[in-house]
């Protein structure tokens, strides 16, 4: 950008700590560094269930309602505030492809005649089905068809956006990912890699404890590995609605002593760096999972499901890690057992991980996406 950049309003529903929010907040801060005047508007001024995300203090964070109330009880004030903030902006960005932030932002942008952009971080049909009430889905589709630009965090998400009817000229693919340098620095700040003290092969998996992540399949696979004689343990990092169910499943499978439910952790990069193997068991992803990119950045061997829409792309068709079918506990177990018996093939693949992670470094993604926003304001 040359000179003062556009006034950008970024909308989010709540400060729930998840990969999608981290991406939108990080991009917002980087757009600000590039000269844009950014405001980050969060609709719900409440602490979410589960871990709360704390945005960079340099980011101008505002609330949809100053009262500490959930959306439904504060809706009139939030609606008025969203419209007021949109009128002050040059371009409006929804940090998610679903949710009230998308719907309210689009409506307010149309009233104020401001360009509206959606950041697509997950497969549209799956995200809509998982996170949107049935009564709102037709409306959401109409919004997706009418945005001024859709910025997809992976090329694999583009077909879904085109499928809903958005013109191809409005669809952009940007390899959005992680701050590679910060990920590596976090390992050192935590005292280096955190390795297993048991002598077992340590697997690490991470993400929200929800159906999308396929941790039930991972536990089934782990039970098969243990039954076949594999001396392994799993550190499962994350919190979510399936916590109790997954613990019960581990008990029923007889592997509770092999699984550490680590909850939300601030030292995830050091846990990844100290792992023998990172496992991605997702049923679907956006850009292949941010934690997958973190694992590549610290050079950890990877086994991942070949799920929509990113792992195959990130892992270069399996050249940087092994891919297994989705929902196939047997195939996942076989891949883990193969690593336990002979880790060298995957370790050799992992040597290319740090260089590949740089392809998804956020600095480049911020520059490209900032230009998309600037072009819409001309």
Protein backbone atom coordinates (compact mmCIF):
# COMPACT_ATOMS: atom_id res chain seq x y z
CA UNK A 1 0.00 0.00 0.00
CA UNK A 2 1.13 3.56 -0.70
CA UNK A 3 0.05 6.35 1.61
CA UNK A 4 -2.76 5.87 4.14
CA UNK A 5 -4.41 2.53 3.58
CA UNK A 6 -8.14 1.83 3.62
CA UNK A 7 -10.22 1.80 6.77
CA UNK A 8 -10.87 -1.91 7.34
CA UNK A 9 -13.53 -3.27 9.68
CA UNK A 10 -13.05 -6.94 10.62
CA UNK A 11 -16.03 -8.73 12.17
CA UNK A 12 -15.91 -11.72 14.53
CA UNK A 13 -18.63 -13.30 16.64
CA UNK A 14 -16.73 -13.88 19.89
CA UNK A 15 -13.18 -14.28 21.15
CA UNK A 16 -13.17 -18.09 21.19
CA UNK A 17 -9.60 -19.29 20.85
CA UNK A 18 -9.50 -21.27 17.61
CA UNK A 19 -7.47 -21.38 14.43
CA UNK A 20 -9.94 -19.31 12.41
CA UNK A 21 -9.96 -16.42 14.87
CA UNK A 22 -6.17 -16.49 15.15
CA UNK A 23 -5.90 -16.19 11.37
CA UNK A 24 -8.28 -13.23 11.07
CA UNK A 25 -6.75 -11.40 14.05
CA UNK A 26 -3.22 -11.98 12.78
CA UNK A 27 -4.11 -10.74 9.31
CA UNK A 28 -5.82 -7.69 10.79
CA UNK A 29 -2.70 -6.80 12.74
CA UNK A 30 -0.50 -7.28 9.67
CA UNK A 31 -2.81 -5.19 7.48
CA UNK A 32 -2.40 -2.49 10.10
CA UNK A 33 1.38 -2.79 9.86
CA UNK A 34 1.05 -2.37 6.09
CA UNK A 35 -0.75 0.94 6.51
CA UNK A 36 -4.43 0.01 6.73
CA UNK A 37 -6.51 1.58 9.48
CA UNK A 38 -8.03 -1.52 11.08
CA UNK A 39 -10.81 -1.93 13.60
CA UNK A 40 -11.63 -5.40 14.99
CA UNK A 41 -15.28 -5.61 16.00
CA UNK A 42 -16.37 -8.54 18.22
CA UNK A 43 -20.13 -9.00 18.49
CA UNK A 44 -20.41 -10.79 21.85
CA UNK A 45 -18.80 -9.11 24.85
CA UNK A 46 -18.68 -12.30 26.91
CA UNK A 47 -16.09 -14.85 27.88
CA UNK A 48 -16.68 -17.90 25.68
CA UNK A 49 -17.04 -21.47 26.84
CA UNK A 50 -13.50 -22.77 26.69
CA UNK A 51 -10.24 -20.89 26.08
CA UNK A 52 -10.44 -17.20 25.27
CA UNK A 53 -8.22 -15.57 22.66
CA UNK A 54 -6.35 -12.40 23.58
CA UNK A 55 -5.72 -10.24 20.49
CA UNK A 56 -2.49 -8.35 20.00
CA UNK A 57 -2.72 -5.18 22.13
CA UNK A 58 -1.81 -3.10 19.07
CA UNK A 59 -5.10 -4.10 17.46
CA UNK A 60 -8.06 -1.74 17.91
CA UNK A 61 -10.62 -4.14 19.37
CA UNK A 62 -14.20 -2.92 19.85
CA UNK A 63 -17.33 -4.67 21.11
CA UNK A 64 -20.72 -4.96 19.47
CA UNK A 65 -22.21 -4.09 22.84
CA UNK A 66 -20.43 -2.54 25.80
CA UNK A 67 -22.68 -4.56 28.10
CA UNK A 68 -21.40 -8.01 28.99
CA UNK A 69 -24.25 -9.91 27.37
CA UNK A 70 -24.66 -12.58 24.72
CA UNK A 71 -25.80 -11.73 21.22
CA UNK A 72 -29.49 -12.55 21.55
CA UNK A 73 -30.02 -10.36 24.61
CA UNK A 74 -27.96 -7.46 23.23
CA UNK A 75 -28.99 -7.79 19.56
CA UNK A 76 -30.58 -4.32 19.08
CA UNK A 77 -27.51 -2.49 20.40
CA UNK A 78 -25.18 -4.77 18.43
CA UNK A 79 -27.10 -4.19 15.20
CA UNK A 80 -26.94 -0.43 15.65
CA UNK A 81 -23.24 -0.51 16.51
CA UNK A 82 -22.34 -2.73 13.55
CA UNK A 83 -24.05 -0.32 11.15
CA UNK A 84 -22.33 2.66 12.79
CA UNK A 85 -18.91 1.02 12.52
CA UNK A 86 -19.53 -0.12 8.93
CA UNK A 87 -20.36 3.46 7.88
CA UNK A 88 -16.93 4.55 9.15
CA UNK A 89 -15.11 1.85 7.15
CA UNK A 90 -13.97 1.68 3.53
CA UNK A 91 -14.24 -2.13 3.38
CA UNK A 92 -15.80 -4.73 5.66
CA UNK A 93 -14.32 -8.20 6.26
CA UNK A 94 -16.02 -11.17 7.91
CA UNK A 95 -13.37 -13.34 9.55
CA UNK A 96 -15.57 -16.41 9.07
CA UNK A 97 -17.69 -17.91 6.31
CA UNK A 98 -20.52 -18.58 8.81
CA UNK A 99 -22.10 -16.87 11.81
CA UNK A 100 -23.92 -13.69 12.74
CA UNK A 101 -20.85 -11.58 11.95
CA UNK A 102 -21.12 -12.60 8.32
CA UNK A 103 -24.87 -11.96 8.09
CA UNK A 104 -24.91 -8.66 9.98
CA UNK A 105 -21.78 -7.40 8.28
CA UNK A 106 -23.11 -8.11 4.82
CA UNK A 107 -26.47 -6.48 5.55
CA UNK A 108 -24.86 -3.39 7.09
CA UNK A 109 -22.34 -3.14 4.25
CA UNK A 110 -25.17 -3.18 1.71
CA UNK A 111 -27.09 -0.48 3.59
CA UNK A 112 -23.95 1.66 3.82
CA UNK A 113 -22.85 0.76 0.26
CA UNK A 114 -19.47 -0.52 1.34
CA UNK A 115 -17.60 -3.49 -0.23
CA UNK A 116 -17.89 -6.70 1.75
CA UNK A 117 -15.31 -9.51 1.89
CA UNK A 118 -15.56 -12.97 3.44
CA UNK A 119 -12.51 -14.89 4.61
CA UNK A 120 -13.27 -18.53 3.72
CA UNK A 121 -11.36 -20.78 6.12
CA UNK A 122 -13.28 -24.03 5.76
CA UNK A 123 -15.30 -26.02 3.26
CA UNK A 124 -18.53 -24.04 2.75
CA UNK A 125 -21.03 -26.92 2.75
CA UNK A 126 -19.43 -28.59 5.78
CA UNK A 127 -19.09 -25.36 7.74
CA UNK A 128 -22.66 -24.32 6.98
CA UNK A 129 -24.01 -27.74 7.99
CA UNK A 130 -21.95 -27.85 11.18
CA UNK A 131 -22.38 -24.31 12.50
CA UNK A 132 -25.56 -22.82 11.01
CA UNK A 133 -29.20 -23.54 12.01
CA UNK A 134 -31.21 -24.98 9.12
CA UNK A 135 -33.50 -21.94 8.99
CA UNK A 136 -30.55 -19.64 8.26
CA UNK A 137 -28.80 -21.73 5.61
CA UNK A 138 -30.70 -20.36 2.58
CA UNK A 139 -29.92 -16.81 3.73
CA UNK A 140 -26.26 -17.70 4.21
CA UNK A 141 -26.09 -19.07 0.67
CA UNK A 142 -27.56 -15.83 -0.68
CA UNK A 143 -24.89 -13.86 1.17
CA UNK A 144 -22.12 -16.09 -0.20
CA UNK A 145 -23.46 -15.47 -3.71
CA UNK A 146 -23.35 -11.70 -3.29
CA UNK A 147 -20.10 -10.84 -1.51
CA UNK A 148 -17.71 -8.50 -3.30
CA UNK A 149 -14.77 -10.85 -2.70
CA UNK A 150 -14.15 -14.25 -1.14
CA UNK A 151 -10.58 -14.81 0.07
CA UNK A 152 -10.00 -18.56 0.40
CA UNK A 153 -7.17 -19.70 2.65
CA UNK A 154 -6.41 -22.60 0.31
CA UNK A 155 -6.98 -23.32 -3.41
CA UNK A 156 -8.95 -26.39 -2.38
CA UNK A 157 -11.72 -24.18 -1.00
CA UNK A 158 -12.30 -22.34 -4.27
CA UNK A 159 -14.59 -24.95 -5.94
CA UNK A 160 -17.06 -24.76 -3.04
CA UNK A 161 -17.28 -20.99 -3.36
CA UNK A 162 -17.79 -21.18 -7.11
CA UNK A 163 -20.42 -23.88 -6.56
CA UNK A 164 -22.67 -21.50 -4.61
CA UNK A 165 -22.69 -19.17 -7.61
CA UNK A 166 -20.14 -16.44 -6.85
CA UNK A 167 -18.47 -15.13 -9.99
CA UNK A 168 -14.92 -16.43 -10.43
CA UNK A 169 -13.58 -12.88 -10.75
CA UNK A 170 -14.50 -12.31 -7.09
CA UNK A 171 -12.83 -15.45 -5.74
CA UNK A 172 -9.21 -15.33 -4.58
CA UNK A 173 -6.95 -18.06 -3.17
CA UNK A 174 -4.23 -16.98 -0.75
CA UNK A 175 -2.03 -19.49 1.09
CA UNK A 176 -2.75 -18.24 4.58
CA UNK A 177 -0.99 -20.00 7.40
CA UNK A 178 1.31 -19.23 10.31
CA UNK A 179 4.11 -16.99 11.49
CA UNK A 180 6.95 -19.46 10.94
CA UNK A 181 9.58 -17.43 12.79
CA UNK A 182 7.28 -16.95 15.78
CA UNK A 183 6.50 -20.68 15.87
CA UNK A 184 10.17 -21.58 16.02
CA UNK A 185 10.89 -18.83 18.55
CA UNK A 186 8.10 -20.19 20.78
CA UNK A 187 9.93 -23.52 20.99
CA UNK A 188 13.04 -21.81 22.31
CA UNK A 189 11.02 -19.58 24.64
CA UNK A 190 9.48 -22.69 26.22
CA UNK A 191 12.92 -24.16 26.90
CA UNK A 192 13.20 -26.28 23.76
CA UNK A 193 11.32 -29.36 22.57
CA UNK A 194 9.26 -31.19 25.21
CA UNK A 195 10.02 -34.86 24.70
CA UNK A 196 8.58 -38.03 26.18
CA UNK A 197 10.08 -39.23 29.44
CA UNK A 198 8.54 -42.69 29.13
CA UNK A 199 10.70 -43.95 26.28
CA UNK A 200 7.60 -44.62 24.18
CA UNK A 201 7.05 -43.28 20.67
CA UNK A 202 5.16 -40.05 21.30
CA UNK A 203 2.31 -39.02 19.03
CA UNK A 204 0.91 -35.51 19.27
CA UNK A 205 -2.46 -34.39 17.89
CA UNK A 206 -4.09 -31.01 18.46
CA UNK A 207 -7.29 -29.15 17.74
CA UNK A 208 -10.75 -28.47 19.09
CA UNK A 209 -12.31 -31.59 20.55
CA UNK A 210 -15.14 -31.67 18.00
CA UNK A 211 -16.36 -34.14 15.39
CA UNK A 212 -14.52 -32.38 12.56
CA UNK A 213 -11.13 -33.36 13.98
CA UNK A 214 -11.78 -37.11 13.96
CA UNK A 215 -10.16 -37.78 17.32
CA UNK A 216 -12.55 -40.70 17.85
CA UNK A 217 -10.98 -42.36 14.81
CA UNK A 218 -7.51 -41.54 16.14
CA UNK A 219 -8.27 -43.26 19.45
CA UNK A 220 -9.56 -46.32 17.60
CA UNK A 221 -6.35 -46.37 15.56
CA UNK A 222 -4.22 -45.98 18.69
CA UNK A 223 -5.96 -48.98 20.28
CA UNK A 224 -5.09 -51.06 17.22
CA UNK A 225 -1.46 -49.92 17.37
CA UNK A 226 -1.19 -50.86 21.05
CA UNK A 227 -2.91 -54.20 20.41
CA UNK A 228 -0.35 -54.91 17.67
CA UNK A 229 2.49 -54.30 20.11
CA UNK A 230 3.30 -50.69 19.29
CA UNK A 231 4.88 -48.97 22.29
CA UNK A 232 3.24 -45.58 21.76
CA UNK A 233 1.59 -42.78 23.69
CA UNK A 234 -0.61 -39.90 22.55
CA UNK A 235 -0.70 -36.31 23.76
CA UNK A 236 -4.03 -34.81 22.67
CA UNK A 237 -3.97 -31.02 22.93
CA UNK A 238 -7.24 -29.11 22.86
CA UNK A 239 -10.58 -28.48 24.52
CA UNK A 240 -14.12 -28.85 23.29
CA UNK A 241 -17.52 -30.42 23.51
CA UNK A 242 -16.30 -34.00 22.95
CA UNK A 243 -13.86 -34.01 25.86
CA UNK A 244 -15.88 -36.32 28.10
CA UNK A 245 -16.88 -38.62 25.22
CA UNK A 246 -13.28 -39.03 24.09
CA UNK A 247 -12.09 -39.80 27.61
CA UNK A 248 -14.83 -42.42 27.92
CA UNK A 249 -13.81 -43.87 24.55
CA UNK A 250 -10.18 -44.16 25.64
CA UNK A 251 -11.34 -45.99 28.77
CA UNK A 252 -13.53 -48.40 26.80
CA UNK A 253 -10.69 -49.09 24.37
CA UNK A 254 -8.33 -49.85 27.25
CA UNK A 255 -5.83 -47.14 26.28
CA UNK A 256 -6.51 -44.49 28.92
CA UNK A 257 -2.98 -44.97 30.26
CA UNK A 258 -1.58 -44.23 26.79
CA UNK A 259 -3.47 -40.95 26.24
CA UNK A 260 -2.78 -37.60 27.89
CA UNK A 261 -5.67 -35.19 27.48
CA UNK A 262 -3.57 -32.06 27.74
CA UNK A 263 -6.34 -29.47 27.32
CA UNK A 264 -5.51 -26.03 25.97
CA UNK A 265 -1.75 -25.42 25.97
CA UNK A 266 0.27 -22.29 25.29
CA UNK A 267 3.41 -24.37 24.65
CA UNK A 268 2.05 -26.34 21.67
CA UNK A 269 5.06 -25.56 19.42
CA UNK A 270 7.45 -27.11 21.94
CA UNK A 271 5.19 -30.16 22.29
CA UNK A 272 5.18 -30.54 18.50
CA UNK A 273 8.95 -30.10 18.31
CA UNK A 274 9.39 -32.83 20.91
CA UNK A 275 6.99 -35.28 19.26
CA UNK A 276 8.15 -38.32 17.36
CA UNK A 277 5.12 -38.09 15.09
CA UNK A 278 2.34 -35.56 14.48
CA UNK A 279 -1.04 -37.06 13.53
CA UNK A 280 -3.86 -35.20 11.79
CA UNK A 281 -7.07 -37.24 11.86
CA UNK A 282 -9.53 -34.62 10.58
CA UNK A 283 -12.65 -35.32 8.56
CA UNK A 284 -12.20 -31.97 6.81
CA UNK A 285 -10.04 -28.87 7.10
CA UNK A 286 -9.59 -25.45 5.52
CA UNK A 287 -5.98 -24.97 4.52
CA UNK A 288 -4.89 -28.30 5.96
CA UNK A 289 -4.91 -27.19 9.59
CA UNK A 290 -2.67 -24.54 11.09
CA UNK A 291 -1.20 -27.06 13.49
CA UNK A 292 -0.11 -29.17 10.52
CA UNK A 293 1.85 -26.17 9.28
CA UNK A 294 3.36 -25.70 12.74
CA UNK A 295 4.45 -29.33 12.72
CA UNK A 296 6.11 -28.85 9.34
CA UNK A 297 7.79 -25.66 10.55
CA UNK A 298 9.55 -27.54 13.37
CA UNK A 299 10.41 -30.55 11.19
CA UNK A 300 8.20 -33.21 12.79
CA UNK A 301 7.22 -36.33 10.76
CA UNK A 302 3.54 -36.28 9.79
CA UNK A 303 0.73 -38.75 9.16
CA UNK A 304 -2.48 -37.04 8.00
CA UNK A 305 -5.87 -37.97 6.64
CA UNK A 306 -6.36 -37.15 2.97
CA UNK A 307 -9.35 -35.01 3.89
CA UNK A 308 -10.89 -32.04 2.14
CA UNK A 309 -9.45 -29.55 1.51
CA UNK A 310 -5.83 -29.06 2.43
CA UNK A 311 -3.51 -31.81 3.71
CA UNK A 312 -2.71 -33.28 0.28
CA UNK A 313 -1.91 -29.79 -1.01
CA UNK A 314 0.19 -28.86 2.03
CA UNK A 315 2.08 -32.17 2.02
CA UNK A 316 2.71 -32.07 -1.74
CA UNK A 317 0.72 -35.22 -2.54
CA UNK A 318 2.42 -37.16 0.25
CA UNK A 319 6.00 -36.21 -0.51
CA UNK A 320 6.35 -34.42 2.85
CA UNK A 321 4.27 -36.80 4.96
CA UNK A 322 2.06 -39.87 4.72
CA UNK A 323 -1.61 -39.56 3.72
CA UNK A 324 -4.31 -42.05 4.74
CA UNK A 325 -8.03 -42.25 3.93
CA UNK A 326 -10.53 -40.35 6.06
CA UNK A 327 -12.49 -42.36 8.68
CA UNK A 328 -10.18 -45.36 8.25
CA UNK A 329 -8.82 -46.31 11.67
CA UNK A 330 -7.11 -49.38 10.22
CA UNK A 331 -5.16 -47.39 7.64
CA UNK A 332 -4.21 -44.79 10.23
CA UNK A 333 -3.02 -47.52 12.59
CA UNK A 334 -0.99 -49.16 9.82
CA UNK A 335 0.74 -45.84 9.05
CA UNK A 336 1.61 -45.29 12.71
CA UNK A 337 2.86 -48.86 13.10
CA UNK A 338 5.02 -48.49 9.99
CA UNK A 339 6.59 -45.41 11.57
CA UNK A 340 7.19 -47.18 14.89
CA UNK A 341 8.90 -50.08 13.12
CA UNK A 342 10.98 -47.87 10.82
CA UNK A 343 10.79 -44.09 11.36
CA UNK A 344 13.44 -43.14 8.80
CA UNK A 345 11.22 -42.87 5.68
CA UNK A 346 8.93 -40.32 7.34
CA UNK A 347 11.84 -38.53 8.95
CA UNK A 348 13.37 -38.05 5.50
CA UNK A 349 10.09 -36.64 4.24
CA UNK A 350 9.99 -34.27 7.22
CA UNK A 351 13.27 -32.67 6.17
CA UNK A 352 11.32 -30.71 3.56
CA UNK A 353 8.75 -29.51 6.07
CA UNK A 354 10.37 -26.26 7.25
CA UNK A 355 10.86 -25.00 3.70
CA UNK A 356 7.27 -25.89 2.79
CA UNK A 357 5.95 -24.08 5.87
CA UNK A 358 7.53 -20.88 4.55
CA UNK A 359 5.16 -21.06 1.56
CA UNK A 360 2.36 -20.37 4.05
CA UNK A 361 4.11 -17.67 6.05
CA UNK A 362 1.64 -14.97 7.04
CA UNK A 363 3.77 -12.04 5.92
CA UNK A 364 3.28 -12.83 2.23
CA UNK A 365 -0.39 -13.70 2.76
CA UNK A 366 -0.99 -10.35 4.45
CA UNK A 367 0.53 -8.41 1.55
CA UNK A 368 -1.55 -10.26 -1.07
CA UNK A 369 -4.83 -10.03 0.87
CA UNK A 370 -4.22 -6.36 1.77
CA UNK A 371 -3.94 -5.58 -1.94
CA UNK A 372 -7.29 -7.30 -2.57
CA UNK A 373 -8.90 -5.05 0.05
CA UNK A 374 -7.23 -1.93 -1.33
CA UNK A 375 -8.40 -2.70 -4.88
CA UNK A 376 -12.01 -2.89 -3.69
CA UNK A 377 -11.87 0.65 -2.30
CA UNK A 378 -10.71 2.30 -5.52
